[in-house]
Amino acid sequence: MTRRPPAIDDESLVAALRLTAGRDPVPAHVSASARAAFGLRLPGASTALPVAVPAPLGVRSAEEGRLLRFTAAELTVELEITSVDGLVDLAGQVSPLPEAGTTVEVRTPHLTQSREVSATGQFAVTGLPPGWFSVVCRRPEECPVVTSWTRIRP
């Protein structure tokens, strides 16, 4: 017969965590990064989640660019990511066709680049550092749509 460990109540767990935290404090840079990440959240935004993108016909190598697609209930953001000299270039398209005044923000933990979306739904941002990014689409009189955070490697 297998014996189960005794159940731990919430108060005991919190007390144990407090004791552990006192012995091994969180490094200052970790706390700073956590606060910065928390500051990047967008309350009320819809999250566009990644979906699989089939490789385009006729493409011989995956080295040319990386294709990503994010969808929310009412919006799709497609991205092509290429690396040039250790930096990242991002070309994207929003569909359905956006109304005038639609903008996108390509966010990293350290910078944000804003672009107005063309009438055909296209935008581009070049020279981004490799690492984590997210795209926010802002449409007039609509809640913003934000992609999940994705890591770009050169």
Protein backbone atom coordinates (compact mmCIF):
# COMPACT_ATOMS: atom_id res chain seq x y z
CA MET A 1 0.00 0.00 0.00
CA THR A 2 1.36 3.41 -0.99
CA ARG A 3 1.31 6.10 1.65
CA ARG A 4 0.44 9.64 0.64
CA PRO A 5 2.27 12.60 2.18
CA PRO A 6 0.20 14.66 4.59
CA ALA A 7 -1.77 17.53 3.04
CA ILE A 8 -0.32 21.01 3.47
CA ASP A 9 -2.74 23.82 4.15
CA ASP A 10 -2.36 27.24 2.50
CA GLU A 11 -1.07 28.97 5.64
CA SER A 12 1.71 26.40 6.11
CA LEU A 13 2.73 26.71 2.47
CA VAL A 14 2.90 30.52 2.67
CA ALA A 15 4.91 30.30 5.90
CA ALA A 16 7.34 27.86 4.28
CA LEU A 17 7.74 30.14 1.26
CA ARG A 18 8.44 33.12 3.52
CA LEU A 19 11.10 31.19 5.40
CA THR A 20 12.72 30.08 2.16
CA ALA A 21 12.65 33.60 0.72
CA GLY A 22 14.52 34.91 3.74
CA ARG A 23 17.38 32.48 3.15
CA ASP A 24 17.73 33.08 -0.59
CA PRO A 25 16.55 36.57 -1.56
CA VAL A 26 15.53 37.27 -5.14
CA PRO A 27 18.32 39.08 -7.02
CA ALA A 28 17.56 42.74 -7.73
CA HIS A 29 17.78 42.31 -11.53
CA VAL A 30 15.15 39.54 -11.41
CA SER A 31 12.75 41.74 -9.43
CA ALA A 32 13.38 44.65 -11.82
CA SER A 33 12.69 42.44 -14.85
CA ALA A 34 9.47 41.16 -13.27
CA ARG A 35 8.26 44.72 -12.59
CA ALA A 36 9.12 45.75 -16.18
CA ALA A 37 7.24 42.74 -17.60
CA PHE A 38 4.22 43.51 -15.41
CA GLY A 39 4.26 47.07 -16.75
CA LEU A 40 3.95 45.76 -20.34
CA ARG A 41 0.57 44.10 -19.78
CA LEU A 42 -2.49 45.60 -21.47
CA PRO A 43 -5.61 45.16 -19.34
CA GLY A 44 -8.70 44.73 -21.50
CA ALA A 45 -6.77 43.66 -24.61
CA SER A 46 -7.68 40.54 -26.57
CA THR A 47 -4.83 38.07 -26.87
CA ALA A 48 -3.98 36.74 -30.32
CA LEU A 49 -2.52 33.26 -29.94
CA PRO A 50 -0.07 31.59 -32.34
CA VAL A 51 -1.36 29.15 -34.95
CA ALA A 52 0.62 26.84 -37.21
CA VAL A 53 1.65 28.24 -40.57
CA PRO A 54 2.37 25.78 -43.38
CA ALA A 55 5.61 26.36 -45.31
CA PRO A 56 4.94 28.27 -48.54
CA LEU A 57 5.16 26.26 -51.75
CA GLY A 58 8.48 26.54 -53.57
CA VAL A 59 10.52 27.54 -50.51
CA ARG A 60 13.77 25.56 -50.43
CA SER A 61 15.19 26.72 -47.12
CA ALA A 62 13.76 27.75 -43.79
CA GLU A 63 16.78 30.07 -43.40
CA GLU A 64 15.20 32.80 -45.54
CA GLY A 65 12.63 33.86 -42.98
CA ARG A 66 10.36 32.64 -40.27
CA LEU A 67 6.59 32.91 -40.70
CA LEU A 68 4.30 33.38 -37.70
CA ARG A 69 0.54 33.81 -37.50
CA PHE A 70 -1.45 34.97 -34.49
CA THR A 71 -5.23 35.00 -34.35
CA ALA A 72 -7.85 36.48 -32.09
CA ALA A 73 -11.59 36.09 -32.68
CA GLU A 74 -11.75 39.05 -35.05
CA LEU A 75 -8.18 39.67 -36.21
CA THR A 76 -5.16 37.89 -37.71
CA VAL A 77 -1.58 39.19 -37.54
CA GLU A 78 0.91 37.50 -39.89
CA LEU A 79 4.63 38.12 -39.45
CA GLU A 80 7.74 37.33 -41.46
CA ILE A 81 10.92 37.52 -39.40
CA THR A 82 14.37 37.76 -40.93
CA SER A 83 17.79 38.30 -39.35
CA VAL A 84 20.29 40.74 -40.80
CA ASP A 85 23.70 41.33 -39.19
CA GLY A 86 22.50 40.04 -35.80
CA LEU A 87 19.41 42.28 -35.78
CA VAL A 88 15.84 41.32 -36.60
CA ASP A 89 13.57 42.72 -39.32
CA LEU A 90 9.86 42.12 -39.03
CA ALA A 91 7.32 42.54 -41.87
CA GLY A 92 3.67 42.02 -41.05
CA GLN A 93 0.12 42.10 -42.28
CA VAL A 94 -3.12 42.62 -40.38
CA SER A 95 -6.36 41.14 -41.68
CA PRO A 96 -9.16 41.78 -42.28
CA LEU A 97 -8.16 45.03 -43.96
CA PRO A 98 -7.83 47.67 -41.26
CA GLU A 99 -9.68 50.93 -41.11
CA ALA A 100 -7.82 54.24 -41.33
CA GLY A 101 -5.90 55.09 -38.18
CA THR A 102 -4.97 51.50 -37.30
CA THR A 103 -1.50 51.24 -35.78
CA VAL A 104 0.75 48.47 -34.54
CA GLU A 105 3.35 48.54 -31.81
CA VAL A 106 6.17 46.03 -31.89
CA ARG A 107 7.28 45.73 -28.27
CA THR A 108 10.39 44.28 -26.71
CA PRO A 109 11.17 44.44 -23.00
CA HIS A 110 13.38 47.47 -23.73
CA LEU A 111 11.78 49.39 -26.61
CA THR A 112 8.58 49.90 -28.58
CA GLN A 113 8.37 50.77 -32.29
CA SER A 114 5.02 52.13 -33.56
CA ARG A 115 3.88 52.04 -37.16
CA GLU A 116 0.72 53.07 -38.98
CA VAL A 117 -0.74 50.14 -40.88
CA SER A 118 -1.13 50.70 -44.64
CA ALA A 119 -4.51 50.46 -46.36
CA THR A 120 -3.51 46.92 -47.43
CA GLY A 121 -2.78 45.96 -43.80
CA GLN A 122 1.01 45.92 -44.07
CA PHE A 123 3.71 47.24 -41.74
CA ALA A 124 7.44 46.73 -41.14
CA VAL A 125 9.94 47.31 -38.35
CA THR A 126 13.67 46.84 -38.87
CA GLY A 127 16.73 46.64 -36.65
CA LEU A 128 15.13 45.02 -33.60
CA PRO A 129 17.35 43.29 -31.05
CA PRO A 130 16.92 39.52 -30.85
CA GLY A 131 14.90 38.33 -27.87
CA TRP A 132 11.29 38.56 -26.75
CA PHE A 133 8.68 40.56 -28.69
CA SER A 134 4.95 41.13 -28.85
CA VAL A 135 2.80 43.02 -31.37
CA VAL A 136 -0.13 45.22 -30.35
CA CYS A 137 -2.73 46.19 -32.97
CA ARG A 138 -4.75 49.30 -32.10
CA ARG A 139 -7.86 50.02 -34.14
CA PRO A 140 -10.04 53.10 -33.72
CA GLU A 141 -12.90 52.49 -31.28
CA GLU A 142 -11.88 48.83 -30.68
CA CYS A 143 -10.07 47.10 -27.84
CA PRO A 144 -6.41 46.46 -28.64
CA VAL A 145 -5.32 43.01 -29.77
CA VAL A 146 -1.94 41.81 -28.49
CA THR A 147 0.03 38.78 -29.63
CA SER A 148 1.49 36.42 -27.11
CA TRP A 149 5.18 37.02 -26.34
CA THR A 150 7.48 35.18 -28.74
CA ARG A 151 11.24 34.80 -28.69
CA ILE A 152 13.22 35.79 -31.80
CA ARG A 153 16.66 34.27 -32.21
CA PRO A 154 19.08 35.60 -34.81
